[in-house]
């Protein structure tokens, strides 16, 4: 069975990945329908008895079908891993990829992703270990790198340039610094991983005021 084609959004926190993913889903890209898979959002939807404490959006509902693989719910141990990841900001490591797999496969089923659709990946994979597992499910043919300096990241988050930070409780200075360090050490190397696999990498230099529509127009220039 052929794998769905995917495009990876990659960039530090605050660079505008989520607003861009939402716009791509709305407007499409390169004359193709897009579906935006925001891993963080879907992770927060995992049913959990402590949902309010960790900012999860569906405290009592089992996802249908998101978060399931062939009807299999999350185990208590998996839910504990999700809670830890959301509370600490830690990445899911290789041994926890079955959680990401359930979420991703559930999303593809829920959204009825077709053969000609592009899956816009936002937040998965986050490091080289996850890349191999994600590549077994999707064919990542391109990456959109939102290049953004730390100074611009702080400026964009402070001004809510992307319009998606109003309800975030993890945008204090220390949390942002931690995320930037984690991105540079573990996520940025994915660019070379996919370049070596022949993926097309589009680099967009992000400013303090760059909006999703600006990026969309850059990507669609002849």
C-alpha atoms as a PDB file:
ATOM      1  CA  UNK A   1       0.000   0.000   0.000  1.00  0.00           C
ATOM      2  CA  UNK A   2       1.416   3.404  -0.998  1.00  0.00           C
ATOM      3  CA  UNK A   3       2.129   5.942   1.703  1.00  0.00           C
ATOM      4  CA  UNK A   4       0.558   9.390   1.866  1.00  0.00           C
ATOM      5  CA  UNK A   5       2.831  12.247   0.825  1.00  0.00           C
ATOM      6  CA  UNK A   6       3.729  14.620   3.648  1.00  0.00           C
ATOM      7  CA  UNK A   7       5.426  17.978   4.108  1.00  0.00           C
ATOM      8  CA  UNK A   8       7.232  18.702   7.365  1.00  0.00           C
ATOM      9  CA  UNK A   9       6.958  22.130   8.975  1.00  0.00           C
ATOM     10  CA  UNK A  10      10.132  22.763  10.921  1.00  0.00           C
ATOM     11  CA  UNK A  11      11.066  25.804  12.941  1.00  0.00           C
ATOM     12  CA  UNK A  12      11.563  26.943  16.535  1.00  0.00           C
ATOM     13  CA  UNK A  13       8.715  27.776  18.866  1.00  0.00           C
ATOM     14  CA  UNK A  14       6.990  31.008  17.856  1.00  0.00           C
ATOM     15  CA  UNK A  15       8.093  30.860  14.215  1.00  0.00           C
ATOM     16  CA  UNK A  16       4.522  30.395  12.994  1.00  0.00           C
ATOM     17  CA  UNK A  17       4.162  26.687  12.214  1.00  0.00           C
ATOM     18  CA  UNK A  18       0.603  26.308  13.509  1.00  0.00           C
ATOM     19  CA  UNK A  19      -0.852  29.395  11.764  1.00  0.00           C
ATOM     20  CA  UNK A  20       0.870  28.277   8.563  1.00  0.00           C
ATOM     21  CA  UNK A  21      -0.443  24.731   8.892  1.00  0.00           C
ATOM     22  CA  UNK A  22      -3.967  26.019   9.396  1.00  0.00           C
ATOM     23  CA  UNK A  23      -3.699  28.314   6.369  1.00  0.00           C
ATOM     24  CA  UNK A  24      -2.317  25.514   4.195  1.00  0.00           C
ATOM     25  CA  UNK A  25      -5.286  23.384   5.175  1.00  0.00           C
ATOM     26  CA  UNK A  26      -7.604  26.232   4.236  1.00  0.00           C
ATOM     27  CA  UNK A  27      -5.975  27.287   0.953  1.00  0.00           C
ATOM     28  CA  UNK A  28      -4.004  24.223  -0.150  1.00  0.00           C
ATOM     29  CA  UNK A  29      -0.444  24.181  -1.498  1.00  0.00           C
ATOM     30  CA  UNK A  30       0.921  23.660  -4.993  1.00  0.00           C
ATOM     31  CA  UNK A  31      -2.649  23.041  -6.220  1.00  0.00           C
ATOM     32  CA  UNK A  32      -3.214  20.182  -3.786  1.00  0.00           C
ATOM     33  CA  UNK A  33      -5.526  19.735  -0.812  1.00  0.00           C
ATOM     34  CA  UNK A  34      -3.717  19.832   2.536  1.00  0.00           C
ATOM     35  CA  UNK A  35      -4.602  18.383   5.925  1.00  0.00           C
ATOM     36  CA  UNK A  36      -2.803  19.872   8.908  1.00  0.00           C
ATOM     37  CA  UNK A  37      -1.593  17.414  11.536  1.00  0.00           C
ATOM     38  CA  UNK A  38      -0.681  19.410  14.656  1.00  0.00           C
ATOM     39  CA  UNK A  39       0.876  16.794  16.914  1.00  0.00           C
ATOM     40  CA  UNK A  40       0.839  18.994  20.018  1.00  0.00           C
ATOM     41  CA  UNK A  41      -2.850  19.727  19.639  1.00  0.00           C
ATOM     42  CA  UNK A  42      -3.665  16.067  19.130  1.00  0.00           C
ATOM     43  CA  UNK A  43      -1.478  15.074  22.080  1.00  0.00           C
ATOM     44  CA  UNK A  44      -3.452  17.442  24.299  1.00  0.00           C
ATOM     45  CA  UNK A  45      -6.642  15.712  23.194  1.00  0.00           C
ATOM     46  CA  UNK A  46      -5.569  12.397  24.715  1.00  0.00           C
ATOM     47  CA  UNK A  47      -8.176  11.597  27.422  1.00  0.00           C
ATOM     48  CA  UNK A  48      -6.732  12.121  30.854  1.00  0.00           C
ATOM     49  CA  UNK A  49      -8.128  12.414  34.396  1.00  0.00           C
ATOM     50  CA  UNK A  50      -5.836  15.386  35.044  1.00  0.00           C
ATOM     51  CA  UNK A  51      -6.716  17.180  31.798  1.00  0.00           C
ATOM     52  CA  UNK A  52      -7.328  20.624  33.296  1.00  0.00           C
ATOM     53  CA  UNK A  53      -4.015  20.596  35.131  1.00  0.00           C
ATOM     54  CA  UNK A  54      -1.976  19.999  31.988  1.00  0.00           C
ATOM     55  CA  UNK A  55      -4.080  22.097  29.645  1.00  0.00           C
ATOM     56  CA  UNK A  56      -5.643  19.251  27.696  1.00  0.00           C
ATOM     57  CA  UNK A  57      -8.714  20.210  25.743  1.00  0.00           C
ATOM     58  CA  UNK A  58     -10.908  17.087  26.049  1.00  0.00           C
ATOM     59  CA  UNK A  59     -10.835  16.017  29.720  1.00  0.00           C
ATOM     60  CA  UNK A  60     -13.443  13.293  29.539  1.00  0.00           C
ATOM     61  CA  UNK A  61     -13.867  12.168  25.943  1.00  0.00           C
ATOM     62  CA  UNK A  62     -12.192   9.219  24.300  1.00  0.00           C
ATOM     63  CA  UNK A  63     -11.138  10.301  20.851  1.00  0.00           C
ATOM     64  CA  UNK A  64     -13.043   8.805  17.960  1.00  0.00           C
ATOM     65  CA  UNK A  65     -11.025   7.787  16.096  1.00  0.00           C
ATOM     66  CA  UNK A  66      -8.065  10.085  16.937  1.00  0.00           C
ATOM     67  CA  UNK A  67      -5.747   8.506  19.460  1.00  0.00           C
ATOM     68  CA  UNK A  68      -6.660   4.968  18.438  1.00  0.00           C
ATOM     69  CA  UNK A  69      -5.126   2.425  16.127  1.00  0.00           C
ATOM     70  CA  UNK A  70      -7.708  -0.105  14.959  1.00  0.00           C
ATOM     71  CA  UNK A  71      -9.838   0.789  17.990  1.00  0.00           C
ATOM     72  CA  UNK A  72      -7.096   0.313  20.584  1.00  0.00           C
ATOM     73  CA  UNK A  73      -7.317   2.940  23.354  1.00  0.00           C
ATOM     74  CA  UNK A  74      -4.383   4.402  25.216  1.00  0.00           C
ATOM     75  CA  UNK A  75      -3.067   2.383  28.118  1.00  0.00           C
ATOM     76  CA  UNK A  76      -2.663   3.954  31.583  1.00  0.00           C
ATOM     77  CA  UNK A  77       1.120   3.916  31.126  1.00  0.00           C
ATOM     78  CA  UNK A  78       0.796   5.737  27.802  1.00  0.00           C
ATOM     79  CA  UNK A  79      -1.445   8.373  29.363  1.00  0.00           C
ATOM     80  CA  UNK A  80       1.158   8.908  32.092  1.00  0.00           C
ATOM     81  CA  UNK A  81       3.810   9.432  29.409  1.00  0.00           C
ATOM     82  CA  UNK A  82       1.579  12.012  27.728  1.00  0.00           C
ATOM     83  CA  UNK A  83       1.005  13.829  31.020  1.00  0.00           C
ATOM     84  CA  UNK A  84       4.754  13.961  31.684  1.00  0.00           C
ATOM     85  CA  UNK A  85       5.449  15.263  28.171  1.00  0.00           C
ATOM     86  CA  UNK A  86       2.834  18.015  28.459  1.00  0.00           C
ATOM     87  CA  UNK A  87       3.886  19.079  31.952  1.00  0.00           C
ATOM     88  CA  UNK A  88       7.640  19.054  31.340  1.00  0.00           C
ATOM     89  CA  UNK A  89       7.888  19.831  27.631  1.00  0.00           C
ATOM     90  CA  UNK A  90       9.916  16.642  27.136  1.00  0.00           C
ATOM     91  CA  UNK A  91       9.922  15.020  23.705  1.00  0.00           C
ATOM     92  CA  UNK A  92       8.489  11.557  23.230  1.00  0.00           C
ATOM     93  CA  UNK A  93      11.473   9.255  22.902  1.00  0.00           C
ATOM     94  CA  UNK A  94      11.853   6.306  20.528  1.00  0.00           C
ATOM     95  CA  UNK A  95      10.288   3.806  22.910  1.00  0.00           C
ATOM     96  CA  UNK A  96       7.161   5.960  23.139  1.00  0.00           C
ATOM     97  CA  UNK A  97       6.546   6.216  19.409  1.00  0.00           C
ATOM     98  CA  UNK A  98       3.565   3.801  19.617  1.00  0.00           C
ATOM     99  CA  UNK A  99       1.695   6.729  21.237  1.00  0.00           C
ATOM    100  CA  UNK A 100       2.499   8.995  18.301  1.00  0.00           C
ATOM    101  CA  UNK A 101       1.631   6.203  15.887  1.00  0.00           C
ATOM    102  CA  UNK A 102      -1.844   5.782  17.375  1.00  0.00           C
ATOM    103  CA  UNK A 103      -2.469   9.514  17.196  1.00  0.00           C
ATOM    104  CA  UNK A 104      -1.189   9.858  13.613  1.00  0.00           C
ATOM    105  CA  UNK A 105      -3.025   6.838  12.208  1.00  0.00           C
ATOM    106  CA  UNK A 106      -6.201   7.918  13.971  1.00  0.00           C
ATOM    107  CA  UNK A 107      -5.867  11.377  12.418  1.00  0.00           C
ATOM    108  CA  UNK A 108      -5.370   9.996   8.899  1.00  0.00           C
ATOM    109  CA  UNK A 109      -8.503   7.889   9.289  1.00  0.00           C
ATOM    110  CA  UNK A 110     -10.565  10.646  10.885  1.00  0.00           C
ATOM    111  CA  UNK A 111      -9.681  13.162   8.174  1.00  0.00           C
ATOM    112  CA  UNK A 112     -10.190  10.678   5.345  1.00  0.00           C
ATOM    113  CA  UNK A 113      -6.854  11.594   3.769  1.00  0.00           C
ATOM    114  CA  UNK A 114      -6.873  10.782   0.054  1.00  0.00           C
ATOM    115  CA  UNK A 115      -4.130   9.657  -2.289  1.00  0.00           C
ATOM    116  CA  UNK A 116      -3.638  13.133  -3.747  1.00  0.00           C
ATOM    117  CA  UNK A 117      -3.682  15.011  -0.452  1.00  0.00           C
ATOM    118  CA  UNK A 118      -0.657  16.490   1.298  1.00  0.00           C
ATOM    119  CA  UNK A 119      -0.267  15.821   5.022  1.00  0.00           C
ATOM    120  CA  UNK A 120       1.243  18.880   6.703  1.00  0.00           C
ATOM    121  CA  UNK A 121       3.271  17.602   9.652  1.00  0.00           C
ATOM    122  CA  UNK A 122       3.626  20.020  12.550  1.00  0.00           C
ATOM    123  CA  UNK A 123       5.455  18.653  15.608  1.00  0.00           C
ATOM    124  CA  UNK A 124       6.188  15.138  14.346  1.00  0.00           C
ATOM    125  CA  UNK A 125       8.882  13.988  13.872  1.00  0.00           C
ATOM    126  CA  UNK A 126      10.783  16.052  16.426  1.00  0.00           C
ATOM    127  CA  UNK A 127      14.092  14.163  16.372  1.00  0.00           C
ATOM    128  CA  UNK A 128      16.024  11.590  14.358  1.00  0.00           C
ATOM    129  CA  UNK A 129      14.621   8.596  16.227  1.00  0.00           C
ATOM    130  CA  UNK A 130      11.055   9.621  15.444  1.00  0.00           C
ATOM    131  CA  UNK A 131      11.977  10.325  11.830  1.00  0.00           C
ATOM    132  CA  UNK A 132      12.614   6.687  11.014  1.00  0.00           C
ATOM    133  CA  UNK A 133       9.306   5.601  12.522  1.00  0.00           C
ATOM    134  CA  UNK A 134       7.378   8.438  10.863  1.00  0.00           C
ATOM    135  CA  UNK A 135       8.984   7.591   7.518  1.00  0.00           C
ATOM    136  CA  UNK A 136       7.498   4.108   7.801  1.00  0.00           C
ATOM    137  CA  UNK A 137       3.999   5.663   7.770  1.00  0.00           C
ATOM    138  CA  UNK A 138       4.354   8.714   5.504  1.00  0.00           C
ATOM    139  CA  UNK A 139       6.484   9.708   2.535  1.00  0.00           C
ATOM    140  CA  UNK A 140       7.979  13.056   3.561  1.00  0.00           C
ATOM    141  CA  UNK A 141       8.825  14.642   0.224  1.00  0.00           C
ATOM    142  CA  UNK A 142       9.471  18.218   1.353  1.00  0.00           C
ATOM    143  CA  UNK A 143      10.209  20.376   4.346  1.00  0.00           C
ATOM    144  CA  UNK A 144       9.333  24.014   5.027  1.00  0.00           C
ATOM    145  CA  UNK A 145      11.943  25.499   7.330  1.00  0.00           C
ATOM    146  CA  UNK A 146      10.862  28.643   9.152  1.00  0.00           C
ATOM    147  CA  UNK A 147      14.255  30.144   9.973  1.00  0.00           C
ATOM    148  CA  UNK A 148      13.980  32.424  12.987  1.00  0.00           C
ATOM    149  CA  UNK A 149      16.581  33.917  15.355  1.00  0.00           C
ATOM    150  CA  UNK A 150      16.057  33.743  19.139  1.00  0.00           C
ATOM    151  CA  UNK A 151      15.570  37.512  19.268  1.00  0.00           C
ATOM    152  CA  UNK A 152      12.786  37.331  16.701  1.00  0.00           C
ATOM    153  CA  UNK A 153      11.223  34.353  18.499  1.00  0.00           C
ATOM    154  CA  UNK A 154      10.906  36.375  21.707  1.00  0.00           C
ATOM    155  CA  UNK A 155       9.560  39.352  19.754  1.00  0.00           C
ATOM    156  CA  UNK A 156       6.973  37.260  17.900  1.00  0.00           C
ATOM    157  CA  UNK A 157       5.778  35.474  21.039  1.00  0.00           C
ATOM    158  CA  UNK A 158       5.607  38.718  22.989  1.00  0.00           C
ATOM    159  CA  UNK A 159       3.457  40.359  20.309  1.00  0.00           C
ATOM    160  CA  UNK A 160       1.536  37.160  19.461  1.00  0.00           C
ATOM    161  CA  UNK A 161       2.533  37.679  15.831  1.00  0.00           C
ATOM    162  CA  UNK A 162       0.964  34.423  14.705  1.00  0.00           C
ATOM    163  CA  UNK A 163      -2.240  34.966  16.643  1.00  0.00           C
ATOM    164  CA  UNK A 164      -1.989  31.559  18.313  1.00  0.00           C
ATOM    165  CA  UNK A 165      -0.316  32.294  21.670  1.00  0.00           C
ATOM    166  CA  UNK A 166      -3.126  33.890  23.678  1.00  0.00           C
ATOM    167  CA  UNK A 167      -3.954  30.802  25.745  1.00  0.00           C
ATOM    168  CA  UNK A 168      -0.445  29.400  26.075  1.00  0.00           C
ATOM    169  CA  UNK A 169       0.752  28.868  29.644  1.00  0.00           C
ATOM    170  CA  UNK A 170       4.289  27.832  28.640  1.00  0.00           C
ATOM    171  CA  UNK A 171       5.558  31.069  27.114  1.00  0.00           C
ATOM    172  CA  UNK A 172       7.630  32.336  30.024  1.00  0.00           C
ATOM    173  CA  UNK A 173      11.250  33.220  29.278  1.00  0.00           C
ATOM    174  CA  UNK A 174      12.803  30.091  30.773  1.00  0.00           C
ATOM    175  CA  UNK A 175      10.384  27.777  28.964  1.00  0.00           C
ATOM    176  CA  UNK A 176      11.093  29.476  25.649  1.00  0.00           C
ATOM    177  CA  UNK A 177      14.856  29.210  26.180  1.00  0.00           C
ATOM    178  CA  UNK A 178      14.475  25.514  26.963  1.00  0.00           C
ATOM    179  CA  UNK A 179      12.439  24.936  23.814  1.00  0.00           C
ATOM    180  CA  UNK A 180      14.948  26.794  21.661  1.00  0.00           C
ATOM    181  CA  UNK A 181      17.819  24.748  23.050  1.00  0.00           C
ATOM    182  CA  UNK A 182      15.894  21.519  22.474  1.00  0.00           C
ATOM    183  CA  UNK A 183      15.062  22.568  18.916  1.00  0.00           C
ATOM    184  CA  UNK A 184      18.684  23.354  18.056  1.00  0.00           C
ATOM    185  CA  UNK A 185      20.028  20.140  19.543  1.00  0.00           C
ATOM    186  CA  UNK A 186      17.451  17.613  18.454  1.00  0.00           C
ATOM    187  CA  UNK A 187      15.017  18.955  15.852  1.00  0.00           C
ATOM    188  CA  UNK A 188      17.126  21.140  13.539  1.00  0.00           C
ATOM    189  CA  UNK A 189      19.260  18.118  12.471  1.00  0.00           C
ATOM    190  CA  UNK A 190      16.146  16.735  10.755  1.00  0.00           C
ATOM    191  CA  UNK A 191      16.791  19.218   7.952  1.00  0.00           C
ATOM    192  CA  UNK A 192      19.948  17.354   6.937  1.00  0.00           C
ATOM    193  CA  UNK A 193      18.242  13.985   7.467  1.00  0.00           C
ATOM    194  CA  UNK A 194      15.599  14.828   4.869  1.00  0.00           C
ATOM    195  CA  UNK A 195      18.003  16.593   2.524  1.00  0.00           C
ATOM    196  CA  UNK A 196      20.019  13.383   2.364  1.00  0.00           C
ATOM    197  CA  UNK A 197      16.829  11.500   1.538  1.00  0.00           C
ATOM    198  CA  UNK A 198      16.214  13.805  -1.414  1.00  0.00           C
ATOM    199  CA  UNK A 199      13.452  15.916   0.108  1.00  0.00           C
ATOM    200  CA  UNK A 200      12.906  19.429  -1.181  1.00  0.00           C
ATOM    201  CA  UNK A 201      13.659  21.923   1.607  1.00  0.00           C
ATOM    202  CA  UNK A 202      12.125  25.391   1.347  1.00  0.00           C
ATOM    203  CA  UNK A 203      13.748  27.905   3.719  1.00  0.00           C
ATOM    204  CA  UNK A 204      11.718  30.954   4.720  1.00  0.00           C
ATOM    205  CA  UNK A 205      13.405  33.718   6.712  1.00  0.00           C
ATOM    206  CA  UNK A 206      10.925  34.781   9.370  1.00  0.00           C
ATOM    207  CA  UNK A 207      10.767  38.343  10.695  1.00  0.00           C
ATOM    208  CA  UNK A 208       8.942  39.746  13.710  1.00  0.00           C
ATOM    209  CA  UNK A 209       5.907  40.505  11.552  1.00  0.00           C
ATOM    210  CA  UNK A 210       5.855  37.655   9.018  1.00  0.00           C
ATOM    211  CA  UNK A 211       2.320  36.286   8.732  1.00  0.00           C
ATOM    212  CA  UNK A 212       1.151  32.901   7.475  1.00  0.00           C
ATOM    213  CA  UNK A 213      -0.257  34.450   4.303  1.00  0.00           C
ATOM    214  CA  UNK A 214       3.179  35.949   3.542  1.00  0.00           C
ATOM    215  CA  UNK A 215       4.732  32.482   3.738  1.00  0.00           C
ATOM    216  CA  UNK A 216       1.961  30.943   1.615  1.00  0.00           C
ATOM    217  CA  UNK A 217       2.568  33.540  -1.091  1.00  0.00           C
ATOM    218  CA  UNK A 218       6.331  32.904  -1.021  1.00  0.00           C
ATOM    219  CA  UNK A 219       5.775  29.153  -1.381  1.00  0.00           C
ATOM    220  CA  UNK A 220       3.429  29.608  -4.336  1.00  0.00           C
ATOM    221  CA  UNK A 221       5.614  31.959  -6.352  1.00  0.00           C
ATOM    222  CA  UNK A 222       6.512  30.560  -9.809  1.00  0.00           C
END
